[in-house]
Amino acid sequence: MGNSHRRVLDKNNLIFVLIFPLIIGSLISPTFGEEDKKVTYGLGILGGFRTASPRLSHYAILPRMDIFLHRNWDLEFEGNFSRYNIREEKDLVVLGTNVNILFKPLQGGWGALFILGGAGLGYDNSGGKVREIGDSHLGGVLQTGVGICIALGKGWLLRGEYRFHHVSEPFKRDTGLNMHDFILGISY
């Protein structure tokens, strides 16, 4: 296959990975539960690090939409615009979508504590130049974490969280990259 065909396939993968989850997410009815506020929107800024080899830092912008499922459960669709600054190798950029489940065991007028778990897919620029990711342009994300939402009033929430984050090629065996990330965000 020529280079022009590979570029077209890569662009189609990018469109599929970014657009398809947004279409599916928009078709899900936000009429779950019995709360007045069933859907919230937010934006988070992520910063993370890894001290083992290869040393790296991780930065991301995470737009999100939370859908209330049950008293203690939320379903979260999260955009993933990540940059991994890898020492000794090519930097990695991932554009994709994550789906997370939030469990909120402690809630009150002050806000909530939560536990998060999720997975996602994204288009990445590795092209075989990042050993730990592989040669595909499809990156998979697994993450788990804990956090707190603090009520600021009038429907606004301040959100802080810690996540353990893993990115790798989802359908082939590779070592992937593991990070410890801290996120600060706001929701309405």
N, C-alpha and C. Protein backbone atom coordinates (compact mmCIF):
# COMPACT_ATOMS: atom_id res chain seq x y z
N MET A 1 0.84 -1.16 0.00
CA MET A 1 0.00 0.00 0.00
C MET A 1 0.90 1.23 0.00
N GLY A 2 0.56 2.23 -0.81
CA GLY A 2 1.37 3.43 -0.91
C GLY A 2 1.17 4.35 0.30
N ASN A 3 2.06 5.35 0.40
CA ASN A 3 1.98 6.30 1.51
C ASN A 3 0.69 7.09 1.50
N SER A 4 0.15 7.43 0.30
CA SER A 4 -1.10 8.20 0.24
C SER A 4 -2.26 7.39 0.81
N HIS A 5 -2.29 6.06 0.54
CA HIS A 5 -3.35 5.22 1.09
C HIS A 5 -3.23 5.11 2.62
N ARG A 6 -1.99 5.02 3.12
CA ARG A 6 -1.80 4.96 4.58
C ARG A 6 -2.29 6.23 5.24
N ARG A 7 -2.00 7.39 4.63
CA ARG A 7 -2.45 8.66 5.21
C ARG A 7 -3.97 8.72 5.23
N VAL A 8 -4.62 8.28 4.17
CA VAL A 8 -6.08 8.29 4.13
C VAL A 8 -6.64 7.39 5.23
N LEU A 9 -6.06 6.19 5.38
CA LEU A 9 -6.54 5.29 6.43
C LEU A 9 -6.32 5.90 7.81
N ASP A 10 -5.19 6.57 8.02
CA ASP A 10 -4.94 7.20 9.31
C ASP A 10 -5.94 8.31 9.57
N LYS A 11 -6.29 9.11 8.56
CA LYS A 11 -7.29 10.16 8.73
C LYS A 11 -8.66 9.56 9.03
N ASN A 12 -9.01 8.46 8.36
CA ASN A 12 -10.28 7.80 8.64
C ASN A 12 -10.32 7.27 10.06
N ASN A 13 -9.19 6.71 10.53
CA ASN A 13 -9.14 6.25 11.92
C ASN A 13 -9.35 7.40 12.88
N LEU A 14 -8.73 8.53 12.59
CA LEU A 14 -8.88 9.71 13.44
C LEU A 14 -10.34 10.14 13.49
N ILE A 15 -10.99 10.20 12.35
CA ILE A 15 -12.40 10.60 12.31
C ILE A 15 -13.25 9.60 13.10
N PHE A 16 -13.01 8.31 12.90
CA PHE A 16 -13.78 7.29 13.61
C PHE A 16 -13.59 7.40 15.12
N VAL A 17 -12.34 7.54 15.57
CA VAL A 17 -12.06 7.56 17.00
C VAL A 17 -12.62 8.81 17.67
N LEU A 18 -12.61 9.95 16.99
CA LEU A 18 -13.07 11.19 17.60
C LEU A 18 -14.56 11.43 17.42
N ILE A 19 -15.09 11.15 16.26
CA ILE A 19 -16.48 11.50 15.96
C ILE A 19 -17.47 10.43 16.42
N PHE A 20 -17.19 9.17 16.22
CA PHE A 20 -18.13 8.10 16.55
C PHE A 20 -18.58 8.13 18.02
N PRO A 21 -17.64 8.23 19.01
CA PRO A 21 -18.11 8.29 20.40
C PRO A 21 -18.95 9.53 20.71
N LEU A 22 -18.67 10.64 20.03
CA LEU A 22 -19.48 11.83 20.25
C LEU A 22 -20.90 11.64 19.72
N ILE A 23 -21.04 10.96 18.58
CA ILE A 23 -22.37 10.69 18.04
C ILE A 23 -23.14 9.76 18.98
N ILE A 24 -22.50 8.69 19.43
CA ILE A 24 -23.15 7.76 20.36
C ILE A 24 -23.52 8.48 21.65
N GLY A 25 -22.63 9.29 22.18
CA GLY A 25 -22.90 10.02 23.41
C GLY A 25 -24.06 10.99 23.26
N SER A 26 -24.21 11.62 22.10
CA SER A 26 -25.31 12.56 21.91
C SER A 26 -26.65 11.85 21.77
N LEU A 27 -26.65 10.56 21.40
CA LEU A 27 -27.90 9.81 21.27
C LEU A 27 -28.41 9.25 22.58
N ILE A 28 -27.54 9.22 23.61
CA ILE A 28 -27.96 8.70 24.90
C ILE A 28 -28.86 9.72 25.56
N SER A 29 -30.03 9.29 25.95
CA SER A 29 -30.99 10.20 26.56
C SER A 29 -30.57 10.56 27.98
N PRO A 30 -30.55 11.84 28.33
CA PRO A 30 -30.17 12.23 29.69
C PRO A 30 -31.36 12.21 30.64
N THR A 31 -32.26 11.22 30.53
CA THR A 31 -33.44 11.17 31.38
C THR A 31 -33.33 10.09 32.44
N PHE A 32 -32.12 9.85 32.94
CA PHE A 32 -31.90 8.85 33.97
C PHE A 32 -32.22 9.45 35.33
N GLY A 33 -32.61 8.61 36.27
CA GLY A 33 -32.72 9.02 37.66
C GLY A 33 -33.86 9.97 37.93
N GLU A 34 -33.81 10.55 39.14
CA GLU A 34 -34.89 11.41 39.59
C GLU A 34 -34.38 12.77 40.05
N GLU A 35 -33.12 13.09 39.79
CA GLU A 35 -32.59 14.37 40.21
C GLU A 35 -33.01 15.47 39.25
N ASP A 36 -33.00 16.71 39.74
CA ASP A 36 -33.30 17.85 38.87
C ASP A 36 -32.19 18.05 37.85
N LYS A 37 -30.95 17.87 38.28
CA LYS A 37 -29.81 18.10 37.39
C LYS A 37 -29.24 16.76 36.97
N LYS A 38 -29.57 16.31 35.77
CA LYS A 38 -29.17 14.98 35.31
C LYS A 38 -27.88 15.00 34.52
N VAL A 39 -27.51 16.13 33.93
CA VAL A 39 -26.30 16.24 33.12
C VAL A 39 -25.49 17.43 33.59
N THR A 40 -24.19 17.23 33.78
CA THR A 40 -23.29 18.33 34.09
C THR A 40 -22.16 18.34 33.07
N TYR A 41 -21.63 19.50 32.84
CA TYR A 41 -20.53 19.68 31.89
C TYR A 41 -19.34 20.25 32.64
N GLY A 42 -18.15 19.87 32.22
CA GLY A 42 -16.98 20.36 32.91
C GLY A 42 -15.75 20.36 32.04
N LEU A 43 -14.68 20.90 32.62
CA LEU A 43 -13.40 20.96 31.95
C LEU A 43 -12.32 20.75 32.99
N GLY A 44 -11.37 19.87 32.70
CA GLY A 44 -10.28 19.60 33.61
C GLY A 44 -8.93 19.82 32.95
N ILE A 45 -7.95 20.20 33.76
CA ILE A 45 -6.57 20.35 33.32
C ILE A 45 -5.76 19.30 34.07
N LEU A 46 -5.02 18.47 33.35
CA LEU A 46 -4.30 17.35 33.93
C LEU A 46 -2.80 17.61 33.86
N GLY A 47 -2.11 17.22 34.90
CA GLY A 47 -0.65 17.23 34.91
C GLY A 47 -0.18 15.96 35.60
N GLY A 48 0.80 15.29 35.03
CA GLY A 48 1.27 14.05 35.62
C GLY A 48 2.72 13.80 35.30
N PHE A 49 3.24 12.72 35.88
CA PHE A 49 4.66 12.44 35.73
C PHE A 49 4.92 10.95 35.85
N ARG A 50 6.11 10.58 35.43
CA ARG A 50 6.64 9.23 35.61
C ARG A 50 8.13 9.39 35.84
N THR A 51 8.65 8.80 36.89
CA THR A 51 10.07 8.95 37.21
C THR A 51 10.90 7.78 36.71
N ALA A 52 10.27 6.65 36.39
CA ALA A 52 11.00 5.49 35.88
C ALA A 52 11.37 5.72 34.41
N SER A 53 12.17 4.82 33.87
CA SER A 53 12.59 4.94 32.47
C SER A 53 11.46 4.47 31.55
N PRO A 54 11.09 5.19 30.49
CA PRO A 54 11.56 6.52 30.17
C PRO A 54 10.88 7.57 31.05
N ARG A 55 11.64 8.56 31.46
CA ARG A 55 11.07 9.65 32.25
C ARG A 55 10.16 10.48 31.36
N LEU A 56 9.02 10.88 31.88
CA LEU A 56 8.10 11.67 31.08
C LEU A 56 7.22 12.53 31.95
N SER A 57 6.61 13.51 31.31
CA SER A 57 5.56 14.29 31.94
C SER A 57 4.35 14.25 31.02
N HIS A 58 3.17 14.43 31.59
CA HIS A 58 1.92 14.25 30.87
C HIS A 58 1.04 15.46 31.15
N TYR A 59 0.53 16.08 30.09
CA TYR A 59 -0.37 17.22 30.21
C TYR A 59 -1.60 16.95 29.35
N ALA A 60 -2.77 17.40 29.81
CA ALA A 60 -3.98 17.15 29.03
C ALA A 60 -5.06 18.17 29.36
N ILE A 61 -5.96 18.34 28.40
CA ILE A 61 -7.20 19.08 28.59
C ILE A 61 -8.31 18.05 28.45
N LEU A 62 -9.22 18.02 29.42
CA LEU A 62 -10.26 17.00 29.47
C LEU A 62 -11.64 17.64 29.55
N PRO A 63 -12.28 17.94 28.42
CA PRO A 63 -13.69 18.37 28.50
C PRO A 63 -14.54 17.16 28.83
N ARG A 64 -15.59 17.36 29.64
CA ARG A 64 -16.37 16.20 30.06
C ARG A 64 -17.86 16.50 30.17
N MET A 65 -18.62 15.42 30.08
CA MET A 65 -20.06 15.46 30.30
C MET A 65 -20.41 14.30 31.23
N ASP A 66 -21.04 14.61 32.37
CA ASP A 66 -21.45 13.60 33.34
C ASP A 66 -22.95 13.39 33.25
N ILE A 67 -23.37 12.15 33.22
CA ILE A 67 -24.80 11.80 33.20
C ILE A 67 -25.11 11.06 34.49
N PHE A 68 -26.08 11.56 35.22
CA PHE A 68 -26.53 10.94 36.46
C PHE A 68 -27.21 9.61 36.14
N LEU A 69 -26.75 8.52 36.78
CA LEU A 69 -27.36 7.20 36.57
C LEU A 69 -28.21 6.77 37.75
N HIS A 70 -27.69 6.97 38.94
CA HIS A 70 -28.34 6.53 40.17
C HIS A 70 -27.80 7.40 41.29
N ARG A 71 -28.36 7.29 42.45
CA ARG A 71 -27.99 8.11 43.59
C ARG A 71 -26.47 8.24 43.77
N ASN A 72 -25.73 7.16 43.62
CA ASN A 72 -24.28 7.18 43.85
C ASN A 72 -23.45 6.97 42.58
N TRP A 73 -24.06 6.88 41.43
CA TRP A 73 -23.33 6.50 40.21
C TRP A 73 -23.53 7.54 39.11
N ASP A 74 -22.43 7.88 38.43
CA ASP A 74 -22.46 8.75 37.25
C ASP A 74 -21.70 8.08 36.11
N LEU A 75 -22.14 8.34 34.90
CA LEU A 75 -21.44 7.92 33.69
C LEU A 75 -20.82 9.18 33.09
N GLU A 76 -19.55 9.12 32.77
CA GLU A 76 -18.83 10.31 32.31
C GLU A 76 -18.20 10.06 30.95
N PHE A 77 -18.48 10.96 30.00
CA PHE A 77 -17.82 10.96 28.70
C PHE A 77 -16.80 12.09 28.75
N GLU A 78 -15.56 11.76 28.42
CA GLU A 78 -14.48 12.71 28.60
C GLU A 78 -13.62 12.78 27.34
N GLY A 79 -13.45 13.97 26.80
CA GLY A 79 -12.51 14.15 25.70
C GLY A 79 -11.10 14.04 26.24
N ASN A 80 -10.19 13.55 25.43
CA ASN A 80 -8.81 13.35 25.88
C ASN A 80 -7.88 14.00 24.87
N PHE A 81 -7.33 15.15 25.23
CA PHE A 81 -6.36 15.86 24.40
C PHE A 81 -5.06 15.88 25.19
N SER A 82 -4.24 14.82 25.03
CA SER A 82 -3.06 14.59 25.86
C SER A 82 -1.75 14.77 25.10
N ARG A 83 -0.74 15.23 25.83
CA ARG A 83 0.64 15.29 25.32
C ARG A 83 1.55 14.66 26.36
N TYR A 84 2.32 13.67 25.92
CA TYR A 84 3.29 12.98 26.77
C TYR A 84 4.68 13.45 26.35
N ASN A 85 5.35 14.22 27.18
CA ASN A 85 6.71 14.68 26.89
C ASN A 85 7.67 13.62 27.38
N ILE A 86 8.20 12.83 26.44
CA ILE A 86 9.03 11.68 26.77
C ILE A 86 10.50 12.05 26.56
N ARG A 87 11.29 11.93 27.61
CA ARG A 87 12.74 12.15 27.48
C ARG A 87 13.31 10.99 26.67
N GLU A 88 14.31 11.19 25.91
CA GLU A 88 15.00 10.18 25.11
C GLU A 88 14.20 9.64 23.93
N GLU A 89 12.93 10.03 23.74
CA GLU A 89 12.14 9.52 22.62
C GLU A 89 11.30 10.64 22.03
N LYS A 90 10.54 10.30 21.00
CA LYS A 90 9.60 11.24 20.39
C LYS A 90 8.45 11.51 21.35
N ASP A 91 7.99 12.76 21.43
CA ASP A 91 6.82 13.07 22.25
C ASP A 91 5.58 12.43 21.62
N LEU A 92 4.63 12.08 22.47
CA LEU A 92 3.42 11.38 22.04
C LEU A 92 2.21 12.28 22.27
N VAL A 93 1.35 12.39 21.26
CA VAL A 93 0.11 13.13 21.37
C VAL A 93 -1.04 12.15 21.16
N VAL A 94 -2.05 12.19 22.04
CA VAL A 94 -3.22 11.32 21.92
C VAL A 94 -4.47 12.19 21.91
N LEU A 95 -5.33 11.99 20.92
CA LEU A 95 -6.62 12.67 20.82
C LEU A 95 -7.69 11.60 20.81
N GLY A 96 -8.59 11.62 21.79
CA GLY A 96 -9.59 10.57 21.85
C GLY A 96 -10.70 10.84 22.84
N THR A 97 -11.36 9.78 23.24
CA THR A 97 -12.50 9.84 24.15
C THR A 97 -12.36 8.76 25.21
N ASN A 98 -12.64 9.11 26.46
CA ASN A 98 -12.67 8.17 27.57
C ASN A 98 -14.10 8.05 28.08
N VAL A 99 -14.44 6.89 28.58
CA VAL A 99 -15.72 6.68 29.26
C VAL A 99 -15.38 6.21 30.67
N ASN A 100 -15.88 6.93 31.66
CA ASN A 100 -15.59 6.63 33.06
C ASN A 100 -16.87 6.36 33.83
N ILE A 101 -16.76 5.55 34.85
CA ILE A 101 -17.84 5.34 35.82
C ILE A 101 -17.37 5.96 37.13
N LEU A 102 -18.21 6.81 37.73
CA LEU A 102 -17.90 7.42 39.01
C LEU A 102 -18.82 6.84 40.07
N PHE A 103 -18.26 6.42 41.18
CA PHE A 103 -19.01 5.97 42.34
C PHE A 103 -18.79 7.00 43.44
N LYS A 104 -19.88 7.56 43.98
CA LYS A 104 -19.81 8.61 44.99
C LYS A 104 -20.36 8.08 46.32
N PRO A 105 -19.50 7.49 47.15
CA PRO A 105 -19.98 6.91 48.41
C PRO A 105 -20.34 7.96 49.46
N LEU A 106 -19.71 9.14 49.44
CA LEU A 106 -20.00 10.22 50.39
C LEU A 106 -20.44 11.45 49.63
N GLN A 107 -21.67 11.93 49.93
CA GLN A 107 -22.22 13.09 49.27
C GLN A 107 -22.92 13.98 50.28
N GLY A 108 -22.96 15.25 50.00
CA GLY A 108 -23.67 16.19 50.85
C GLY A 108 -23.78 17.53 50.16
N GLY A 109 -24.29 18.53 50.89
CA GLY A 109 -24.39 19.87 50.34
C GLY A 109 -23.04 20.49 50.05
N TRP A 110 -22.01 19.98 50.67
CA TRP A 110 -20.63 20.46 50.48
C TRP A 110 -20.00 19.95 49.19
N GLY A 111 -20.51 18.81 48.67
CA GLY A 111 -19.95 18.19 47.47
C GLY A 111 -19.96 16.68 47.60
N ALA A 112 -18.91 16.02 47.11
CA ALA A 112 -18.86 14.55 47.13
C ALA A 112 -17.43 14.05 47.01
N LEU A 113 -17.20 12.88 47.58
CA LEU A 113 -15.97 12.11 47.34
C LEU A 113 -16.31 11.04 46.32
N PHE A 114 -15.39 10.72 45.41
CA PHE A 114 -15.71 9.73 44.40
C PHE A 114 -14.51 8.84 44.08
N ILE A 115 -14.85 7.67 43.53
CA ILE A 115 -13.89 6.70 42.99
C ILE A 115 -14.21 6.58 41.51
N LEU A 116 -13.18 6.55 40.67
CA LEU A 116 -13.37 6.56 39.23
C LEU A 116 -12.65 5.39 38.59
N GLY A 117 -13.24 4.83 37.56
CA GLY A 117 -12.58 3.83 36.72
C GLY A 117 -13.04 4.03 35.29
N GLY A 118 -12.14 3.86 34.33
CA GLY A 118 -12.55 4.08 32.96
C GLY A 118 -11.57 3.58 31.94
N ALA A 119 -12.00 3.68 30.69
CA ALA A 119 -11.19 3.26 29.55
C ALA A 119 -11.51 4.17 28.38
N GLY A 120 -10.59 4.21 27.42
CA GLY A 120 -10.82 5.03 26.24
C GLY A 120 -9.95 4.63 25.08
N LEU A 121 -10.25 5.21 23.94
CA LEU A 121 -9.47 5.01 22.72
C LEU A 121 -9.10 6.37 22.17
N GLY A 122 -7.98 6.42 21.48
CA GLY A 122 -7.56 7.68 20.89
C GLY A 122 -6.62 7.47 19.72
N TYR A 123 -6.52 8.47 18.90
CA TYR A 123 -5.58 8.51 17.79
C TYR A 123 -4.26 9.04 18.34
N ASP A 124 -3.15 8.35 18.06
CA ASP A 124 -1.86 8.83 18.54
C ASP A 124 -0.88 8.97 17.38
N ASN A 125 0.18 9.74 17.62
CA ASN A 125 1.16 10.02 16.59
C ASN A 125 2.43 9.18 16.73
N SER A 126 2.36 8.04 17.41
CA SER A 126 3.59 7.28 17.70
C SER A 126 4.25 6.75 16.43
N GLY A 127 3.51 6.10 15.57
CA GLY A 127 4.06 5.57 14.33
C GLY A 127 5.30 4.72 14.50
N GLY A 128 5.42 4.01 15.63
CA GLY A 128 6.55 3.14 15.88
C GLY A 128 7.74 3.84 16.49
N LYS A 129 7.66 5.14 16.72
CA LYS A 129 8.81 5.88 17.26
C LYS A 129 8.79 5.96 18.78
N VAL A 130 7.71 5.50 19.41
CA VAL A 130 7.65 5.40 20.87
C VAL A 130 7.58 3.91 21.18
N ARG A 131 8.70 3.32 21.65
CA ARG A 131 8.81 1.86 21.84
C ARG A 131 7.67 1.28 22.67
N GLU A 132 7.29 1.97 23.72
CA GLU A 132 6.32 1.42 24.67
C GLU A 132 4.90 1.36 24.12
N ILE A 133 4.62 2.06 23.04
CA ILE A 133 3.26 2.15 22.50
C ILE A 133 3.04 1.25 21.29
N GLY A 134 4.06 0.99 20.51
CA GLY A 134 3.89 0.17 19.31
C GLY A 134 3.81 1.03 18.07
N ASP A 135 3.46 0.40 16.93
CA ASP A 135 3.49 1.11 15.67
C ASP A 135 2.12 1.49 15.13
N SER A 136 1.07 1.17 15.82
CA SER A 136 -0.28 1.55 15.40
C SER A 136 -0.53 3.01 15.76
N HIS A 137 -1.53 3.60 15.16
CA HIS A 137 -1.92 4.96 15.52
C HIS A 137 -3.14 4.94 16.43
N LEU A 138 -3.45 3.80 17.01
CA LEU A 138 -4.57 3.68 17.93
C LEU A 138 -4.03 3.44 19.33
N GLY A 139 -4.35 4.34 20.24
CA GLY A 139 -3.91 4.20 21.63
C GLY A 139 -5.08 3.88 22.53
N GLY A 140 -4.86 3.00 23.49
CA GLY A 140 -5.88 2.66 24.47
C GLY A 140 -5.50 3.23 25.83
N VAL A 141 -6.49 3.68 26.57
CA VAL A 141 -6.27 4.29 27.88
C VAL A 141 -7.05 3.51 28.93
N LEU A 142 -6.40 3.16 30.03
CA LEU A 142 -7.06 2.62 31.22
C LEU A 142 -6.70 3.53 32.38
N GLN A 143 -7.67 3.82 33.25
CA GLN A 143 -7.39 4.71 34.37
C GLN A 143 -8.29 4.39 35.55
N THR A 144 -7.77 4.68 36.73
CA THR A 144 -8.52 4.55 37.96
C THR A 144 -8.06 5.67 38.89
N GLY A 145 -8.95 6.10 39.77
CA GLY A 145 -8.54 7.20 40.64
C GLY A 145 -9.56 7.52 41.71
N VAL A 146 -9.23 8.54 42.49
CA VAL A 146 -10.10 9.05 43.55
C VAL A 146 -10.12 10.57 43.46
N GLY A 147 -11.20 11.17 43.96
CA GLY A 147 -11.27 12.62 43.89
C GLY A 147 -12.34 13.19 44.78
N ILE A 148 -12.44 14.52 44.72
CA ILE A 148 -13.41 15.27 45.51
C ILE A 148 -14.02 16.36 44.64
N CYS A 149 -15.32 16.55 44.79
CA CYS A 149 -16.03 17.67 44.18
C CYS A 149 -16.48 18.57 45.32
N ILE A 150 -16.19 19.86 45.22
CA ILE A 150 -16.57 20.82 46.25
C ILE A 150 -17.57 21.80 45.65
N ALA A 151 -18.74 21.92 46.27
CA ALA A 151 -19.79 22.82 45.78
C ALA A 151 -19.37 24.27 45.98
N LEU A 152 -19.44 25.04 44.90
CA LEU A 152 -19.10 26.47 44.96
C LEU A 152 -20.35 27.34 44.97
N GLY A 153 -21.51 26.74 44.75
CA GLY A 153 -22.77 27.48 44.73
C GLY A 153 -23.29 27.67 43.31
N LYS A 154 -24.61 27.83 43.19
CA LYS A 154 -25.29 28.06 41.91
C LYS A 154 -24.96 27.00 40.87
N GLY A 155 -24.78 25.75 41.30
CA GLY A 155 -24.54 24.64 40.38
C GLY A 155 -23.09 24.42 39.98
N TRP A 156 -22.16 25.24 40.45
CA TRP A 156 -20.75 25.11 40.10
C TRP A 156 -20.04 24.20 41.08
N LEU A 157 -19.15 23.34 40.57
CA LEU A 157 -18.35 22.43 41.38
C LEU A 157 -16.87 22.58 41.04
N LEU A 158 -16.03 22.58 42.06
CA LEU A 158 -14.59 22.50 41.88
C LEU A 158 -14.22 21.04 42.05
N ARG A 159 -13.43 20.50 41.13
CA ARG A 159 -13.12 19.07 41.15
C ARG A 159 -11.61 18.86 41.18
N GLY A 160 -11.14 18.09 42.14
CA GLY A 160 -9.74 17.71 42.23
C GLY A 160 -9.64 16.20 42.31
N GLU A 161 -8.65 15.62 41.63
CA GLU A 161 -8.54 14.16 41.65
C GLU A 161 -7.13 13.69 41.35
N TYR A 162 -6.89 12.46 41.75
CA TYR A 162 -5.66 11.72 41.43
C TYR A 162 -6.07 10.55 40.55
N ARG A 163 -5.29 10.29 39.49
CA ARG A 163 -5.54 9.12 38.64
C ARG A 163 -4.24 8.37 38.38
N PHE A 164 -4.34 7.04 38.40
CA PHE A 164 -3.29 6.20 37.84
C PHE A 164 -3.72 5.94 36.41
N HIS A 165 -2.85 6.24 35.46
CA HIS A 165 -3.21 6.31 34.05
C HIS A 165 -2.26 5.40 33.25
N HIS A 166 -2.81 4.55 32.39
CA HIS A 166 -2.02 3.66 31.53
C HIS A 166 -2.44 3.89 30.09
N VAL A 167 -1.46 4.06 29.20
CA VAL A 167 -1.74 4.18 27.76
C VAL A 167 -0.87 3.17 27.03
N SER A 168 -1.48 2.45 26.08
CA SER A 168 -0.76 1.47 25.27
C SER A 168 -1.56 1.18 24.01
N GLU A 169 -0.99 0.37 23.14
CA GLU A 169 -1.71 -0.08 21.96
C GLU A 169 -2.70 -1.16 22.41
N PRO A 170 -4.00 -0.99 22.17
CA PRO A 170 -4.98 -1.88 22.79
C PRO A 170 -5.03 -3.31 22.26
N PHE A 171 -4.63 -3.55 21.01
CA PHE A 171 -4.83 -4.87 20.43
C PHE A 171 -3.54 -5.64 20.18
N LYS A 172 -2.42 -5.13 20.68
CA LYS A 172 -1.13 -5.82 20.56
C LYS A 172 -0.42 -5.74 21.89
N ARG A 173 0.51 -6.64 22.09
CA ARG A 173 1.26 -6.68 23.34
C ARG A 173 2.39 -5.64 23.31
N ASP A 174 2.35 -4.70 24.24
CA ASP A 174 3.43 -3.73 24.43
C ASP A 174 3.45 -3.34 25.90
N THR A 175 4.50 -2.67 26.31
CA THR A 175 4.63 -2.33 27.73
C THR A 175 3.77 -1.17 28.12
N GLY A 176 3.52 -0.23 27.22
CA GLY A 176 2.72 0.94 27.52
C GLY A 176 3.43 1.90 28.45
N LEU A 177 2.74 2.98 28.78
CA LEU A 177 3.27 3.99 29.69
C LEU A 177 2.32 4.13 30.87
N ASN A 178 2.86 4.15 32.08
CA ASN A 178 2.07 4.33 33.29
C ASN A 178 2.44 5.66 33.93
N MET A 179 1.43 6.41 34.38
CA MET A 179 1.65 7.72 34.99
C MET A 179 0.80 7.91 36.24
N HIS A 180 1.24 8.84 37.06
CA HIS A 180 0.46 9.34 38.18
C HIS A 180 0.03 10.74 37.80
N ASP A 181 -1.28 10.97 37.70
CA ASP A 181 -1.79 12.26 37.22
C ASP A 181 -2.64 12.95 38.28
N PHE A 182 -2.58 14.27 38.27
CA PHE A 182 -3.40 15.10 39.14
C PHE A 182 -4.21 16.03 38.26
N ILE A 183 -5.51 16.14 38.56
CA ILE A 183 -6.41 16.89 37.73
C ILE A 183 -7.13 17.93 38.58
N LEU A 184 -7.23 19.13 38.05
CA LEU A 184 -8.02 20.20 38.65
C LEU A 184 -9.02 20.64 37.60
N GLY A 185 -10.28 20.70 37.98
CA GLY A 185 -11.30 21.06 37.01
C GLY A 185 -12.47 21.76 37.63
N ILE A 186 -13.39 22.17 36.78
CA ILE A 186 -14.61 22.84 37.20
C ILE A 186 -15.77 22.24 36.43
N SER A 187 -16.93 22.13 37.06
CA SER A 187 -18.12 21.56 36.41
C SER A 187 -19.31 22.45 36.68
N TYR A 188 -20.29 22.38 35.77
CA TYR A 188 -21.55 23.10 35.96
C TYR A 188 -22.70 22.20 35.59
